N, C-alpha and C. Protein backbone atom coordinates (compact mmCIF):
# COMPACT_ATOMS: atom_id res chain seq x y z
N UNK A 1 231.93 152.40 161.78
CA UNK A 1 233.14 153.18 160.93
C UNK A 1 233.04 152.98 159.45
N UNK A 2 233.64 154.33 159.08
CA UNK A 2 233.55 154.41 157.38
C UNK A 2 235.04 154.76 157.11
N UNK A 3 235.66 153.65 155.80
CA UNK A 3 237.09 154.06 155.09
C UNK A 3 236.41 155.26 154.72
N UNK A 4 237.64 156.08 153.96
CA UNK A 4 237.79 157.38 152.91
C UNK A 4 238.63 157.06 152.33
N UNK A 5 238.69 157.00 151.42
CA UNK A 5 240.38 157.17 150.08
C UNK A 5 240.31 158.37 149.63
N UNK A 6 241.46 158.69 149.75
CA UNK A 6 242.52 160.26 148.92
C UNK A 6 243.00 159.79 147.99
N UNK A 7 243.02 159.63 146.72
CA UNK A 7 243.89 159.08 145.51
C UNK A 7 244.39 160.07 144.44
N UNK A 8 245.00 159.65 143.84
CA UNK A 8 245.99 160.76 142.87
C UNK A 8 244.85 159.86 141.93
N UNK A 9 244.46 158.96 141.34
CA UNK A 9 244.40 157.95 140.19
C UNK A 9 243.23 157.42 140.28
N UNK A 10 241.74 157.80 139.26
CA UNK A 10 240.93 156.84 139.48
C UNK A 10 240.84 155.07 139.42
N UNK A 11 241.76 154.58 139.33
CA UNK A 11 242.60 153.12 138.96
C UNK A 11 242.10 152.90 140.70
N UNK A 12 242.63 153.51 141.50
CA UNK A 12 243.06 153.06 142.66
C UNK A 12 241.71 153.43 143.18
N UNK A 13 240.91 154.79 142.94
CA UNK A 13 239.87 155.22 143.42
C UNK A 13 238.34 153.55 143.07
N UNK A 14 238.31 153.32 141.60
CA UNK A 14 237.84 152.73 141.49
C UNK A 14 237.77 151.05 141.81
N UNK A 15 239.33 150.75 141.77
CA UNK A 15 239.53 149.48 142.85
C UNK A 15 238.59 149.27 144.55
N UNK A 16 239.21 150.40 144.79
CA UNK A 16 238.90 150.16 146.56
C UNK A 16 237.21 150.54 146.55
N UNK A 17 236.66 151.19 145.58
CA UNK A 17 234.61 151.01 145.24
C UNK A 17 234.54 150.26 144.64
N UNK A 18 234.86 149.34 144.33
CA UNK A 18 234.92 147.88 144.30
C UNK A 18 234.96 147.08 145.80
N UNK A 19 235.53 147.35 146.56
CA UNK A 19 235.58 146.79 147.99
C UNK A 19 234.55 147.55 148.78
N UNK A 20 233.48 148.79 149.10
CA UNK A 20 232.88 149.50 149.25
C UNK A 20 233.29 150.81 149.83
N UNK A 21 234.59 150.84 149.44
CA UNK A 21 235.14 152.68 150.11
C UNK A 21 235.06 153.80 149.14
N UNK A 22 234.66 154.67 149.87
CA UNK A 22 234.05 155.96 149.28
C UNK A 22 235.30 156.91 148.79
N UNK A 23 235.65 157.78 148.14
CA UNK A 23 236.69 158.21 148.41
C UNK A 23 236.53 159.36 147.51
N UNK A 24 238.12 160.34 147.07
CA UNK A 24 238.11 161.36 146.18
C UNK A 24 239.11 161.17 144.67
N UNK A 25 239.74 161.80 143.76
CA UNK A 25 240.57 161.62 143.15
C UNK A 25 240.83 163.32 143.20
N UNK A 26 242.18 163.35 143.81
CA UNK A 26 242.63 164.98 143.73
C UNK A 26 244.20 164.56 143.64
N UNK A 27 245.00 165.91 143.16
CA UNK A 27 246.04 166.43 142.82
C UNK A 27 247.19 167.32 142.75
N UNK A 28 246.37 168.37 143.33
CA UNK A 28 246.73 169.61 143.65
C UNK A 28 247.25 169.48 145.32
N UNK A 29 247.63 170.30 146.01
CA UNK A 29 248.03 170.30 147.17
C UNK A 29 246.83 171.01 147.95
N UNK A 30 246.14 172.23 147.60
CA UNK A 30 245.25 172.38 147.74
C UNK A 30 243.77 171.60 148.05
N UNK A 31 243.76 171.29 146.82
CA UNK A 31 242.19 169.86 146.80
C UNK A 31 243.05 168.70 148.05
N UNK A 32 244.00 168.40 147.98
CA UNK A 32 244.74 167.29 149.07
C UNK A 32 244.43 167.60 150.35
N UNK A 33 244.38 169.61 151.07
CA UNK A 33 244.35 170.01 151.75
C UNK A 33 243.09 169.56 152.31
N UNK A 34 242.13 170.01 151.50
CA UNK A 34 240.32 170.05 151.56
C UNK A 34 239.93 168.91 151.88
N UNK A 35 240.32 168.04 150.87
CA UNK A 35 239.87 166.58 151.06
C UNK A 35 240.48 165.88 152.30
N UNK A 36 241.41 166.43 152.79
CA UNK A 36 241.75 165.88 154.28
C UNK A 36 241.08 166.52 155.43
N UNK A 37 240.79 167.95 155.09
CA UNK A 37 240.25 168.42 156.29
C UNK A 37 238.67 167.99 156.61
N UNK A 38 238.25 167.73 155.23
CA UNK A 38 236.72 167.20 155.05
C UNK A 38 236.39 166.09 155.99
N UNK A 39 237.81 164.81 155.63
CA UNK A 39 237.49 163.51 156.11
C UNK A 39 237.87 163.72 157.30
N UNK A 40 238.83 164.82 157.85
CA UNK A 40 239.16 164.16 159.45
C UNK A 40 237.45 164.89 160.27
N UNK A 41 237.24 165.86 159.45
CA UNK A 41 236.50 166.41 160.29
C UNK A 41 234.46 165.54 160.36
N UNK A 42 234.88 164.68 159.23
CA UNK A 42 233.72 164.26 159.76
C UNK A 42 233.48 162.69 160.53
N UNK A 43 232.62 162.87 161.73
CA UNK A 43 233.12 161.73 162.74
C UNK A 43 232.28 160.52 162.39
N UNK A 44 232.12 159.99 161.16
CA UNK A 44 231.52 158.60 160.88
C UNK A 44 232.75 157.66 159.92
N UNK A 45 233.69 159.05 159.90
CA UNK A 45 235.03 157.88 158.98
C UNK A 45 236.30 157.50 160.11
N UNK A 46 236.08 156.30 160.15
CA UNK A 46 237.59 156.18 161.31
C UNK A 46 238.59 155.73 160.75
N UNK A 47 239.05 155.69 159.67
CA UNK A 47 240.31 155.22 158.76
C UNK A 47 240.67 155.89 156.89
N UNK A 48 241.21 157.38 157.45
CA UNK A 48 241.68 157.55 155.98
C UNK A 48 242.94 157.09 155.15
N UNK A 49 242.61 156.47 153.75
CA UNK A 49 243.87 155.75 152.84
C UNK A 49 244.09 157.08 152.10
N UNK A 50 245.22 156.86 152.04
CA UNK A 50 245.82 158.25 150.86
C UNK A 50 247.51 157.40 150.38
N UNK A 51 247.09 157.67 149.04
CA UNK A 51 247.83 157.49 148.53
C UNK A 51 249.69 157.94 148.65
N UNK A 52 250.32 157.18 148.76
CA UNK A 52 251.75 157.55 148.60
C UNK A 52 252.37 159.22 148.27
N UNK A 53 251.92 159.46 146.56
CA UNK A 53 252.18 160.45 145.92
C UNK A 53 251.57 162.03 146.91
N UNK A 54 250.11 161.57 146.95
CA UNK A 54 249.88 162.74 147.63
C UNK A 54 250.20 162.65 149.37
N UNK A 55 250.39 161.66 150.22
CA UNK A 55 251.33 161.99 151.44
C UNK A 55 252.39 162.52 150.99
N UNK A 56 253.14 162.59 150.00
CA UNK A 56 254.57 162.95 150.39
C UNK A 56 253.91 165.02 150.00
N UNK A 57 252.87 165.20 149.16
CA UNK A 57 253.10 166.70 148.50
C UNK A 57 252.35 167.09 150.03
N UNK A 58 251.58 166.79 151.17
CA UNK A 58 251.19 167.04 152.28
C UNK A 58 251.64 166.08 153.91
N UNK A 59 253.17 166.04 153.07
CA UNK A 59 253.74 165.25 154.72
C UNK A 59 253.05 166.30 155.57
N UNK A 60 253.37 167.66 155.94
CA UNK A 60 253.56 168.22 157.18
C UNK A 60 252.21 167.89 157.38
N UNK A 61 251.33 168.44 157.02
CA UNK A 61 249.61 168.26 157.44
C UNK A 61 249.16 166.95 157.75
N UNK A 62 249.73 165.81 157.28
CA UNK A 62 249.26 164.89 158.03
C UNK A 62 250.00 164.22 158.82
N UNK A 63 251.33 164.53 159.22
CA UNK A 63 251.95 165.12 160.59
C UNK A 63 251.45 165.39 161.82
N UNK A 64 251.27 166.49 161.25
CA UNK A 64 250.31 167.42 162.23
C UNK A 64 249.06 166.30 162.67
N UNK A 65 248.08 166.12 161.87
CA UNK A 65 246.97 165.25 161.87
C UNK A 65 247.69 164.24 163.23
N UNK A 66 248.42 163.79 162.71
CA UNK A 66 248.83 162.44 163.39
C UNK A 66 249.57 162.58 164.57
N UNK A 67 249.77 163.99 164.49
CA UNK A 67 250.76 163.61 166.33
C UNK A 67 249.35 164.35 166.99
N UNK A 68 248.27 165.20 166.76
CA UNK A 68 247.65 165.59 167.04
C UNK A 68 246.19 165.30 167.86
N UNK A 69 245.80 164.02 167.05
CA UNK A 69 244.23 163.44 166.47
C UNK A 69 244.88 161.97 166.95
N UNK A 70 243.57 161.63 167.80
CA UNK A 70 243.42 160.30 167.66
C UNK A 70 242.32 159.37 166.58
N UNK A 71 241.64 160.55 166.02
CA UNK A 71 240.69 159.86 164.84
C UNK A 71 240.45 160.58 164.12
N UNK A 72 240.77 160.22 162.95
CA UNK A 72 240.93 159.22 162.22
C UNK A 72 241.86 158.42 161.94
N UNK A 73 242.36 157.55 161.38
CA UNK A 73 243.54 156.50 161.78
C UNK A 73 244.20 157.04 159.84
N UNK A 74 244.90 157.64 160.14
CA UNK A 74 245.86 157.91 158.19
C UNK A 74 246.49 156.95 158.16
N UNK A 75 246.33 156.13 157.34
CA UNK A 75 246.80 154.93 156.45
C UNK A 75 247.29 155.28 155.20
N UNK A 76 248.95 155.64 154.84
CA UNK A 76 249.18 155.89 153.72
C UNK A 76 249.90 154.04 152.53
N UNK A 77 249.29 154.41 151.54
CA UNK A 77 248.95 153.24 150.80
C UNK A 77 249.68 153.30 149.35
N UNK A 78 250.34 152.19 148.87
CA UNK A 78 250.58 153.06 147.41
C UNK A 78 249.47 152.32 146.37
N UNK A 79 250.02 153.03 145.33
CA UNK A 79 248.82 153.18 144.19
C UNK A 79 248.86 151.94 143.42
N UNK A 80 248.82 152.14 142.26
CA UNK A 80 248.64 151.04 140.80
C UNK A 80 250.48 151.25 140.46
N UNK A 81 251.02 151.68 140.75
CA UNK A 81 252.46 151.82 140.11
C UNK A 81 253.24 150.67 141.25
N UNK A 82 252.51 150.83 142.44
CA UNK A 82 253.71 149.89 143.45
C UNK A 82 253.90 150.66 144.48
N UNK A 83 254.63 150.94 145.82
CA UNK A 83 255.23 151.30 146.60
C UNK A 83 256.18 152.54 146.19
N UNK A 84 256.08 153.62 147.11
CA UNK A 84 257.44 154.44 146.36
C UNK A 84 258.49 154.49 147.46
N UNK A 85 258.32 153.61 148.51
CA UNK A 85 259.12 153.50 149.65
C UNK A 85 260.34 152.32 148.99
N UNK A 86 261.82 152.39 150.02
CA UNK A 86 262.97 151.56 149.06
C UNK A 86 262.70 150.15 150.05
N UNK A 87 263.22 149.47 149.73
CA UNK A 87 262.99 147.87 149.74
C UNK A 87 263.26 147.64 151.70
N UNK A 88 263.84 148.34 152.28
CA UNK A 88 264.22 148.36 153.74
C UNK A 88 263.21 149.50 154.17
N UNK A 89 261.91 150.11 153.79
CA UNK A 89 261.80 151.24 154.30
C UNK A 89 261.21 150.73 155.80
N UNK A 90 260.66 149.31 156.61
CA UNK A 90 259.93 148.92 157.83
C UNK A 90 261.51 149.04 159.28
N UNK A 91 262.68 148.45 158.51
CA UNK A 91 263.83 148.16 159.14
C UNK A 91 264.00 149.74 159.38
N UNK A 92 264.40 150.39 158.31
CA UNK A 92 265.02 151.90 158.80
C UNK A 92 264.07 152.27 159.64
N UNK A 93 262.91 152.53 159.17
CA UNK A 93 261.53 152.92 160.27
C UNK A 93 262.36 152.32 162.05
N UNK A 94 262.12 150.88 161.92
CA UNK A 94 262.00 150.52 163.44
C UNK A 94 263.50 151.22 164.12
N UNK A 95 264.58 151.00 163.13
CA UNK A 95 265.79 151.33 163.33
C UNK A 95 265.72 153.14 164.41
N UNK A 96 265.06 153.83 163.22
CA UNK A 96 265.57 155.61 163.94
C UNK A 96 264.54 155.13 165.21
N UNK A 97 263.00 154.05 165.49
CA UNK A 97 262.01 154.41 166.51
C UNK A 97 262.63 154.10 167.61
N UNK A 98 263.81 152.57 167.75
CA UNK A 98 264.79 152.47 168.98
C UNK A 98 265.47 153.13 168.96
N UNK A 99 266.28 153.47 168.03
CA UNK A 99 267.82 154.69 168.10
C UNK A 99 268.90 153.99 168.27
N UNK A 100 268.57 152.61 167.65
CA UNK A 100 270.15 151.89 167.35
C UNK A 100 269.55 150.39 165.98
N UNK A 101 271.11 150.09 165.27
CA UNK A 101 270.57 149.05 164.49
C UNK A 101 269.90 147.95 165.12
N UNK A 102 269.36 147.67 164.65
CA UNK A 102 268.46 146.56 164.96
C UNK A 102 268.80 145.13 164.17
């Protein structure tokens, strides 16, 4: 199974390419949708990496894919500027999942 990257900048794509990961650079919502649709329909792709900024722009579409499909796995990654998530992101996620403060 292959890993595929959907990025908003060339630097992230270049770094992932050095690790053997193919990908595309997109910016507009329509481009994000097309790249996701193409990657999801490709049976050889098992994991889709998408930068956090793009994931925010297509949050509804990504959520739909995650809820209704078992493959491929969609993983949001930080780009060269670092994460856009708050420092307590994981703890808040766990608290919401459990339904009480841990």
